[in-house]
Full PDB file with SEQRES, HELIX, SHEET, SSBOND, CRYST1, ORIGX, SCALE, CONECT and MASTER records, all heavy atoms in Angstrom:
SEQRES   1 A   35  VAL GLN LEU VAL GLU SER GLY GLY GLY LEU VAL GLN PRO          
SEQRES   2 A   35  GLY GLY SER LEU ARG LEU SER CYS ALA ALA SER GLY SER          
SEQRES   3 A   35  ILE PHE LYS ILE TYR THR MET GLY TRP                          
SHEET    1 AA1 2 GLN A   2  SER A   6  0                                        
SHEET    2 AA1 2 SER A  20  SER A  24 -1                                        
CRYST1    1.000    1.000    1.000  90.00  90.00  90.00 P 1           1          
ORIGX1      1.000000  0.000000  0.000000        0.00000                         
ORIGX2      0.000000  1.000000  0.000000        0.00000                         
ORIGX3      0.000000  0.000000  1.000000        0.00000                         
SCALE1      1.000000  0.000000  0.000000        0.00000                         
SCALE2      0.000000  1.000000  0.000000        0.00000                         
SCALE3      0.000000  0.000000  1.000000        0.00000                         
ATOM      1  N   VAL A   1      85.140  63.075  86.847  1.00  0.00           N  
ATOM      2  CA  VAL A   1      84.954  64.131  87.822  1.00  0.00           C  
ATOM      3  C   VAL A   1      86.248  64.918  87.947  1.00  0.00           C  
ATOM      4  O   VAL A   1      87.334  64.336  87.991  1.00  0.00           O  
ATOM      5  CB  VAL A   1      84.538  63.566  89.191  1.00  0.00           C  
ATOM      6  CG1 VAL A   1      84.459  64.673  90.237  1.00  0.00           C  
ATOM      7  CG2 VAL A   1      83.206  62.839  89.068  1.00  0.00           C  
ATOM      8  N   GLN A   2      86.128  66.229  88.017  1.00  0.00           N  
ATOM      9  CA  GLN A   2      87.285  67.092  88.180  1.00  0.00           C  
ATOM     10  C   GLN A   2      87.170  67.877  89.476  1.00  0.00           C  
ATOM     11  O   GLN A   2      86.084  68.301  89.868  1.00  0.00           O  
ATOM     12  CB  GLN A   2      87.421  68.056  87.005  1.00  0.00           C  
ATOM     13  CG  GLN A   2      87.736  67.374  85.681  1.00  0.00           C  
ATOM     14  CD  GLN A   2      87.899  68.352  84.543  1.00  0.00           C  
ATOM     15  OE1 GLN A   2      87.459  69.496  84.622  1.00  0.00           O  
ATOM     16  NE2 GLN A   2      88.538  67.902  83.483  1.00  0.00           N  
ATOM     17  N   LEU A   3      88.309  68.082  90.125  1.00  0.00           N  
ATOM     18  CA  LEU A   3      88.390  68.858  91.346  1.00  0.00           C  
ATOM     19  C   LEU A   3      89.344  70.015  91.128  1.00  0.00           C  
ATOM     20  O   LEU A   3      90.461  69.814  90.653  1.00  0.00           O  
ATOM     21  CB  LEU A   3      88.883  68.002  92.512  1.00  0.00           C  
ATOM     22  CG  LEU A   3      88.031  66.781  92.880  1.00  0.00           C  
ATOM     23  CD1 LEU A   3      88.729  65.958  93.953  1.00  0.00           C  
ATOM     24  CD2 LEU A   3      86.659  67.220  93.360  1.00  0.00           C  
ATOM     25  N   VAL A   4      88.915  71.213  91.478  1.00  0.00           N  
ATOM     26  CA  VAL A   4      89.728  72.404  91.314  1.00  0.00           C  
ATOM     27  C   VAL A   4      89.909  73.068  92.670  1.00  0.00           C  
ATOM     28  O   VAL A   4      88.935  73.492  93.292  1.00  0.00           O  
ATOM     29  CB  VAL A   4      89.103  73.394  90.321  1.00  0.00           C  
ATOM     30  CG1 VAL A   4      89.970  74.633  90.188  1.00  0.00           C  
ATOM     31  CG2 VAL A   4      88.930  72.730  88.962  1.00  0.00           C  
ATOM     32  N   GLU A   5      91.158  73.156  93.119  1.00  0.00           N  
ATOM     33  CA  GLU A   5      91.479  73.756  94.405  1.00  0.00           C  
ATOM     34  C   GLU A   5      91.911  75.205  94.232  1.00  0.00           C  
ATOM     35  O   GLU A   5      92.446  75.593  93.193  1.00  0.00           O  
ATOM     36  CB  GLU A   5      92.611  72.988  95.106  1.00  0.00           C  
ATOM     37  CG  GLU A   5      92.326  71.516  95.325  1.00  0.00           C  
ATOM     38  CD  GLU A   5      93.257  70.635  94.538  1.00  0.00           C  
ATOM     39  OE1 GLU A   5      93.625  71.010  93.405  1.00  0.00           O  
ATOM     40  OE2 GLU A   5      93.630  69.566  95.051  1.00  0.00           O  
ATOM     41  N   SER A   6      91.706  75.987  95.281  1.00  0.00           N  
ATOM     42  CA  SER A   6      92.171  77.361  95.302  1.00  0.00           C  
ATOM     43  C   SER A   6      92.360  77.796  96.748  1.00  0.00           C  
ATOM     44  O   SER A   6      91.866  77.153  97.672  1.00  0.00           O  
ATOM     45  CB  SER A   6      91.205  78.299  94.585  1.00  0.00           C  
ATOM     46  OG  SER A   6      89.948  78.326  95.234  1.00  0.00           O  
ATOM     47  N   GLY A   7      93.071  78.900  96.936  1.00  0.00           N  
ATOM     48  CA  GLY A   7      93.222  79.487  98.253  1.00  0.00           C  
ATOM     49  C   GLY A   7      94.575  79.311  98.903  1.00  0.00           C  
ATOM     50  O   GLY A   7      94.814  79.864  99.981  1.00  0.00           O  
ATOM     51  N   GLY A   8      95.465  78.563  98.282  1.00  0.00           N  
ATOM     52  CA  GLY A   8      96.788  78.387  98.852  1.00  0.00           C  
ATOM     53  C   GLY A   8      97.616  79.652  98.755  1.00  0.00           C  
ATOM     54  O   GLY A   8      97.280  80.590  98.032  1.00  0.00           O  
ATOM     55  N   GLY A   9      98.707  79.676  99.500  1.00  0.00           N  
ATOM     56  CA  GLY A   9      99.579  80.828  99.480  1.00  0.00           C  
ATOM     57  C   GLY A   9     100.554  80.822 100.625  1.00  0.00           C  
ATOM     58  O   GLY A   9     100.750  79.812 101.301  1.00  0.00           O  
ATOM     59  N   LEU A  10     101.175  81.976 100.846  1.00  0.00           N  
ATOM     60  CA  LEU A  10     102.161  82.164 101.902  1.00  0.00           C  
ATOM     61  C   LEU A  10     101.538  82.914 103.063  1.00  0.00           C  
ATOM     62  O   LEU A  10     100.939  83.984 102.869  1.00  0.00           O  
ATOM     63  CB  LEU A  10     103.362  82.935 101.357  1.00  0.00           C  
ATOM     64  CG  LEU A  10     104.429  83.349 102.364  1.00  0.00           C  
ATOM     65  CD1 LEU A  10     105.113  82.130 102.962  1.00  0.00           C  
ATOM     66  CD2 LEU A  10     105.448  84.273 101.700  1.00  0.00           C  
ATOM     67  N   VAL A  11     101.680  82.361 104.261  1.00  0.00           N  
ATOM     68  CA  VAL A  11     101.184  83.009 105.469  1.00  0.00           C  
ATOM     69  C   VAL A  11     102.236  82.908 106.559  1.00  0.00           C  
ATOM     70  O   VAL A  11     103.089  82.017 106.551  1.00  0.00           O  
ATOM     71  CB  VAL A  11      99.857  82.404 105.965  1.00  0.00           C  
ATOM     72  CG1 VAL A  11      98.746  82.640 104.955  1.00  0.00           C  
ATOM     73  CG2 VAL A  11     100.017  80.916 106.232  1.00  0.00           C  
ATOM     74  N   GLN A  12     102.166  83.820 107.518  1.00  0.00           N  
ATOM     75  CA  GLN A  12     103.074  83.795 108.654  1.00  0.00           C  
ATOM     76  C   GLN A  12     102.579  82.825 109.716  1.00  0.00           C  
ATOM     77  O   GLN A  12     101.379  82.528 109.787  1.00  0.00           O  
ATOM     78  CB  GLN A  12     103.210  85.192 109.259  1.00  0.00           C  
ATOM     79  CG  GLN A  12     103.872  86.200 108.338  1.00  0.00           C  
ATOM     80  CD  GLN A  12     104.092  87.540 109.002  1.00  0.00           C  
ATOM     81  OE1 GLN A  12     103.575  87.794 110.086  1.00  0.00           O  
ATOM     82  NE2 GLN A  12     104.861  88.391 108.361  1.00  0.00           N  
ATOM     83  N   PRO A  13     103.476  82.285 110.532  1.00  0.00           N  
ATOM     84  CA  PRO A  13     103.031  81.436 111.636  1.00  0.00           C  
ATOM     85  C   PRO A  13     101.990  82.140 112.489  1.00  0.00           C  
ATOM     86  O   PRO A  13     102.125  83.320 112.811  1.00  0.00           O  
ATOM     87  CB  PRO A  13     104.318  81.179 112.420  1.00  0.00           C  
ATOM     88  CG  PRO A  13     105.400  81.309 111.402  1.00  0.00           C  
ATOM     89  CD  PRO A  13     104.940  82.397 110.466  1.00  0.00           C  
ATOM     90  N   GLY A  14     100.951  81.394 112.857  1.00  0.00           N  
ATOM     91  CA  GLY A  14      99.844  81.960 113.604  1.00  0.00           C  
ATOM     92  C   GLY A  14      98.754  82.543 112.738  1.00  0.00           C  
ATOM     93  O   GLY A  14      97.681  82.891 113.257  1.00  0.00           O  
ATOM     94  N   GLY A  15      98.993  82.638 111.453  1.00  0.00           N  
ATOM     95  CA  GLY A  15      98.020  83.196 110.537  1.00  0.00           C  
ATOM     96  C   GLY A  15      96.958  82.198 110.133  1.00  0.00           C  
ATOM     97  O   GLY A  15      96.930  81.056 110.592  1.00  0.00           O  
ATOM     98  N   SER A  16      96.088  82.654 109.234  1.00  0.00           N  
ATOM     99  CA  SER A  16      94.962  81.849 108.785  1.00  0.00           C  
ATOM    100  C   SER A  16      94.898  81.814 107.270  1.00  0.00           C  
ATOM    101  O   SER A  16      95.388  82.716 106.584  1.00  0.00           O  
ATOM    102  CB  SER A  16      93.641  82.404 109.338  1.00  0.00           C  
ATOM    103  OG  SER A  16      93.620  82.400 110.748  1.00  0.00           O  
ATOM    104  N   LEU A  17      94.264  80.771 106.766  1.00  0.00           N  
ATOM    105  CA  LEU A  17      94.104  80.594 105.335  1.00  0.00           C  
ATOM    106  C   LEU A  17      92.879  79.731 105.105  1.00  0.00           C  
ATOM    107  O   LEU A  17      92.573  78.849 105.923  1.00  0.00           O  
ATOM    108  CB  LEU A  17      95.340  79.933 104.738  1.00  0.00           C  
ATOM    109  CG  LEU A  17      95.660  80.134 103.251  1.00  0.00           C  
ATOM    110  CD1 LEU A  17      95.906  81.601 102.948  1.00  0.00           C  
ATOM    111  CD2 LEU A  17      96.871  79.307 102.869  1.00  0.00           C  
ATOM    112  N   ARG A  18      92.176  79.972 104.008  1.00  0.00           N  
ATOM    113  CA  ARG A  18      91.035  79.143 103.647  1.00  0.00           C  
ATOM    114  C   ARG A  18      91.234  78.543 102.268  1.00  0.00           C  
ATOM    115  O   ARG A  18      91.438  79.265 101.291  1.00  0.00           O  
ATOM    116  CB  ARG A  18      89.722  79.929 103.672  1.00  0.00           C  
ATOM    117  CG  ARG A  18      88.498  79.016 103.505  1.00  0.00           C  
ATOM    118  CD  ARG A  18      87.186  79.770 103.451  1.00  0.00           C  
ATOM    119  NE  ARG A  18      86.949  80.357 102.143  1.00  0.00           N  
ATOM    120  CZ  ARG A  18      85.772  80.797 101.717  1.00  0.00           C  
ATOM    121  NH1 ARG A  18      84.709  80.728 102.532  1.00  0.00           N  
ATOM    122  NH2 ARG A  18      85.645  81.328 100.519  1.00  0.00           N  
ATOM    123  N   LEU A  19      91.159  77.235 102.196  1.00  0.00           N  
ATOM    124  CA  LEU A  19      91.222  76.515 100.941  1.00  0.00           C  
ATOM    125  C   LEU A  19      89.813  76.141 100.494  1.00  0.00           C  
ATOM    126  O   LEU A  19      88.933  75.889 101.316  1.00  0.00           O  
ATOM    127  CB  LEU A  19      92.052  75.242 101.078  1.00  0.00           C  
ATOM    128  CG  LEU A  19      93.462  75.377 101.653  1.00  0.00           C  
ATOM    129  CD1 LEU A  19      94.142  74.006 101.675  1.00  0.00           C  
ATOM    130  CD2 LEU A  19      94.275  76.380 100.865  1.00  0.00           C  
ATOM    131  N   SER A  20      89.613  76.094  99.193  1.00  0.00           N  
ATOM    132  CA  SER A  20      88.346  75.650  98.653  1.00  0.00           C  
ATOM    133  C   SER A  20      88.596  74.656  97.529  1.00  0.00           C  
ATOM    134  O   SER A  20      89.633  74.681  96.867  1.00  0.00           O  
ATOM    135  CB  SER A  20      87.505  76.820  98.147  1.00  0.00           C  
ATOM    136  OG  SER A  20      88.134  77.479  97.062  1.00  0.00           O  
ATOM    137  N   CYS A  21      87.630  73.785  97.317  1.00  0.00           N  
ATOM    138  CA  CYS A  21      87.717  72.773  96.274  1.00  0.00           C  
ATOM    139  C   CYS A  21      86.325  72.554  95.709  1.00  0.00           C  
ATOM    140  O   CYS A  21      85.404  72.193  96.454  1.00  0.00           O  
ATOM    141  CB  CYS A  21      88.280  71.466  96.834  1.00  0.00           C  
ATOM    142  SG  CYS A  21      88.225  70.079  95.677  1.00  0.00           S  
ATOM    143  N   ALA A  22      86.187  72.752  94.414  1.00  0.00           N  
ATOM    144  CA  ALA A  22      84.913  72.583  93.736  1.00  0.00           C  
ATOM    145  C   ALA A  22      84.953  71.354  92.842  1.00  0.00           C  
ATOM    146  O   ALA A  22      85.880  71.186  92.044  1.00  0.00           O  
ATOM    147  CB  ALA A  22      84.579  73.816  92.909  1.00  0.00           C  
ATOM    148  N   ALA A  23      83.954  70.515  92.967  1.00  0.00           N  
ATOM    149  CA  ALA A  23      83.834  69.317  92.146  1.00  0.00           C  
ATOM    150  C   ALA A  23      82.891  69.575  90.984  1.00  0.00           C  
ATOM    151  O   ALA A  23      81.853  70.224  91.140  1.00  0.00           O  
ATOM    152  CB  ALA A  23      83.332  68.148  92.979  1.00  0.00           C  
ATOM    153  N   SER A  24      83.252  69.055  89.824  1.00  0.00           N  
ATOM    154  CA  SER A  24      82.406  69.197  88.648  1.00  0.00           C  
ATOM    155  C   SER A  24      82.436  67.912  87.841  1.00  0.00           C  
ATOM    156  O   SER A  24      83.322  67.072  88.009  1.00  0.00           O  
ATOM    157  CB  SER A  24      82.850  70.382  87.786  1.00  0.00           C  
ATOM    158  OG  SER A  24      84.161  70.187  87.287  1.00  0.00           O  
ATOM    159  N   GLY A  25      81.478  67.779  86.933  1.00  0.00           N  
ATOM    160  CA  GLY A  25      81.367  66.588  86.113  1.00  0.00           C  
ATOM    161  C   GLY A  25      80.105  65.813  86.442  1.00  0.00           C  
ATOM    162  O   GLY A  25      79.181  66.333  87.066  1.00  0.00           O  
ATOM    163  N   SER A  26      80.084  64.576  86.001  1.00  0.00           N  
ATOM    164  CA  SER A  26      78.935  63.714  86.244  1.00  0.00           C  
ATOM    165  C   SER A  26      79.032  63.117  87.639  1.00  0.00           C  
ATOM    166  O   SER A  26      79.866  62.244  87.897  1.00  0.00           O  
ATOM    167  CB  SER A  26      78.867  62.612  85.190  1.00  0.00           C  
ATOM    168  OG  SER A  26      78.692  63.146  83.890  1.00  0.00           O  
ATOM    169  N   ILE A  27      78.199  63.601  88.529  1.00  0.00           N  
ATOM    170  CA  ILE A  27      78.202  63.152  89.918  1.00  0.00           C  
ATOM    171  C   ILE A  27      76.787  62.774  90.313  1.00  0.00           C  
ATOM    172  O   ILE A  27      75.883  63.607  90.289  1.00  0.00           O  
ATOM    173  CB  ILE A  27      78.744  64.230  90.862  1.00  0.00           C  
ATOM    174  CG1 ILE A  27      80.164  64.642  90.463  1.00  0.00           C  
ATOM    175  CG2 ILE A  27      78.714  63.726  92.301  1.00  0.00           C  
ATOM    176  CD1 ILE A  27      80.712  65.803  91.259  1.00  0.00           C  
ATOM    177  N   PHE A  28      76.608  61.534  90.676  1.00  0.00           N  
ATOM    178  CA  PHE A  28      75.329  61.080  91.183  1.00  0.00           C  
ATOM    179  C   PHE A  28      75.222  61.314  92.688  1.00  0.00           C  
ATOM    180  O   PHE A  28      74.183  61.759  93.179  1.00  0.00           O  
ATOM    181  CB  PHE A  28      75.112  59.600  90.849  1.00  0.00           C  
ATOM    182  CG  PHE A  28      73.846  59.029  91.410  1.00  0.00           C  
ATOM    183  CD1 PHE A  28      72.621  59.354  90.858  1.00  0.00           C  
ATOM    184  CD2 PHE A  28      73.871  58.156  92.487  1.00  0.00           C  
ATOM    185  CE1 PHE A  28      71.439  58.839  91.361  1.00  0.00           C  
ATOM    186  CE2 PHE A  28      72.699  57.626  93.003  1.00  0.00           C  
ATOM    187  CZ  PHE A  28      71.484  57.965  92.441  1.00  0.00           C  
ATOM    188  N   LYS A  29      76.294  61.008  93.392  1.00  0.00           N  
ATOM    189  CA  LYS A  29      76.299  61.181  94.841  1.00  0.00           C  
ATOM    190  C   LYS A  29      77.727  61.384  95.314  1.00  0.00           C  
ATOM    191  O   LYS A  29      78.637  60.696  94.870  1.00  0.00           O  
ATOM    192  CB  LYS A  29      75.693  59.959  95.532  1.00  0.00           C  
ATOM    193  CG  LYS A  29      75.687  60.032  97.055  1.00  0.00           C  
ATOM    194  CD  LYS A  29      75.049  58.796  97.655  1.00  0.00           C  
ATOM    195  CE  LYS A  29      75.131  58.805  99.169  1.00  0.00           C  
ATOM    196  NZ  LYS A  29      74.355  59.935  99.747  1.00  0.00           N  
ATOM    197  N   ILE A  30      77.920  62.334  96.210  1.00  0.00           N  
ATOM    198  CA  ILE A  30      79.203  62.545  96.865  1.00  0.00           C  
ATOM    199  C   ILE A  30      79.154  61.885  98.232  1.00  0.00           C  
ATOM    200  O   ILE A  30      78.340  62.260  99.074  1.00  0.00           O  
ATOM    201  CB  ILE A  30      79.529  64.038  97.007  1.00  0.00           C  
ATOM    202  CG1 ILE A  30      79.653  64.693  95.629  1.00  0.00           C  
ATOM    203  CG2 ILE A  30      80.809  64.225  97.814  1.00  0.00           C  
ATOM    204  CD1 ILE A  30      79.921  66.182  95.683  1.00  0.00           C  
ATOM    205  N   TYR A  31      80.021  60.907  98.447  1.00  0.00           N  
ATOM    206  CA  TYR A  31      80.088  60.247  99.743  1.00  0.00           C  
ATOM    207  C   TYR A  31      80.916  61.058 100.728  1.00  0.00           C  
ATOM    208  O   TYR A  31      80.485  61.300 101.860  1.00  0.00           O  
ATOM    209  CB  TYR A  31      80.660  58.840  99.601  1.00  0.00           C  
ATOM    210  CG  TYR A  31      79.731  57.884  98.899  1.00  0.00           C  
ATOM    211  CD1 TYR A  31      79.967  57.490  97.585  1.00  0.00           C  
ATOM    212  CD2 TYR A  31      78.615  57.379  99.543  1.00  0.00           C  
ATOM    213  CE1 TYR A  31      79.111  56.620  96.940  1.00  0.00           C  
ATOM    214  CE2 TYR A  31      77.753  56.507  98.901  1.00  0.00           C  
ATOM    215  CZ  TYR A  31      78.004  56.130  97.600  1.00  0.00           C  
ATOM    216  OH  TYR A  31      77.149  55.266  96.960  1.00  0.00           O  
ATOM    217  N   THR A  32      82.107  61.440 100.307  1.00  0.00           N  
ATOM    218  CA  THR A  32      82.967  62.252 101.141  1.00  0.00           C  
ATOM    219  C   THR A  32      83.731  63.257 100.284  1.00  0.00           C  
ATOM    220  O   THR A  32      83.969  63.036  99.114  1.00  0.00           O  
ATOM    221  CB  THR A  32      83.995  61.418 101.924  1.00  0.00           C  
ATOM    222  OG1 THR A  32      84.892  60.779 101.007  1.00  0.00           O  
ATOM    223  CG2 THR A  32      83.304  60.361 102.781  1.00  0.00           C  
ATOM    224  N   MET A  33      84.125  64.355 100.914  1.00  0.00           N  
ATOM    225  CA  MET A  33      85.102  65.273 100.353  1.00  0.00           C  
ATOM    226  C   MET A  33      86.090  65.598 101.458  1.00  0.00           C  
ATOM    227  O   MET A  33      85.713  65.662 102.629  1.00  0.00           O  
ATOM    228  CB  MET A  33      84.460  66.552  99.820  1.00  0.00           C  
ATOM    229  CG  MET A  33      83.511  66.330  98.661  1.00  0.00           C  
ATOM    230  SD  MET A  33      82.965  67.879  97.866  1.00  0.00           S  
ATOM    231  CE  MET A  33      84.447  68.296  96.921  1.00  0.00           C  
ATOM    232  N   GLY A  34      87.332  65.784 101.083  1.00  0.00           N  
ATOM    233  CA  GLY A  34      88.315  66.042 102.111  1.00  0.00           C  
ATOM    234  C   GLY A  34      89.614  66.587 101.564  1.00  0.00           C  
ATOM    235  O   GLY A  34      89.733  66.907 100.377  1.00  0.00           O  
ATOM    236  N   TRP A  35      90.562  66.692 102.469  1.00  0.00           N  
ATOM    237  CA  TRP A  35      91.862  67.251 102.158  1.00  0.00           C  
ATOM    238  C   TRP A  35      92.972  66.351 102.662  1.00  0.00           C  
ATOM    239  O   TRP A  35      92.916  65.852 103.794  1.00  0.00           O  
ATOM    240  CB  TRP A  35      92.023  68.635 102.795  1.00  0.00           C  
ATOM    241  CG  TRP A  35      91.086  69.656 102.234  1.00  0.00           C  
ATOM    242  CD1 TRP A  35      89.852  69.979 102.691  1.00  0.00           C  
ATOM    243  CD2 TRP A  35      91.324  70.484 101.092  1.00  0.00           C  
ATOM    244  NE1 TRP A  35      89.294  70.968 101.911  1.00  0.00           N  
ATOM    245  CE2 TRP A  35      90.182  71.293 100.919  1.00  0.00           C  
ATOM    246  CE3 TRP A  35      92.393  70.622 100.206  1.00  0.00           C  
ATOM    247  CZ2 TRP A  35      90.085  72.229  99.889  1.00  0.00           C  
ATOM    248  CZ3 TRP A  35      92.287  71.547  99.182  1.00  0.00           C  
ATOM    249  CH2 TRP A  35      91.145  72.335  99.030  1.00  0.00           C  
TER     250      TRP A  35                                                      
MASTER        0    0    0    0    2    0    0    6  249    1    0    3          
END                                                                             
């Protein structure tokens, strides 16, 4: 299974950012995903 993250970067204090992570490969069941 491979995980590919995206969305990181530089932000100012008080700002917002969204990270994403996509799983690929042979997956029968995902129990949890997290950061």
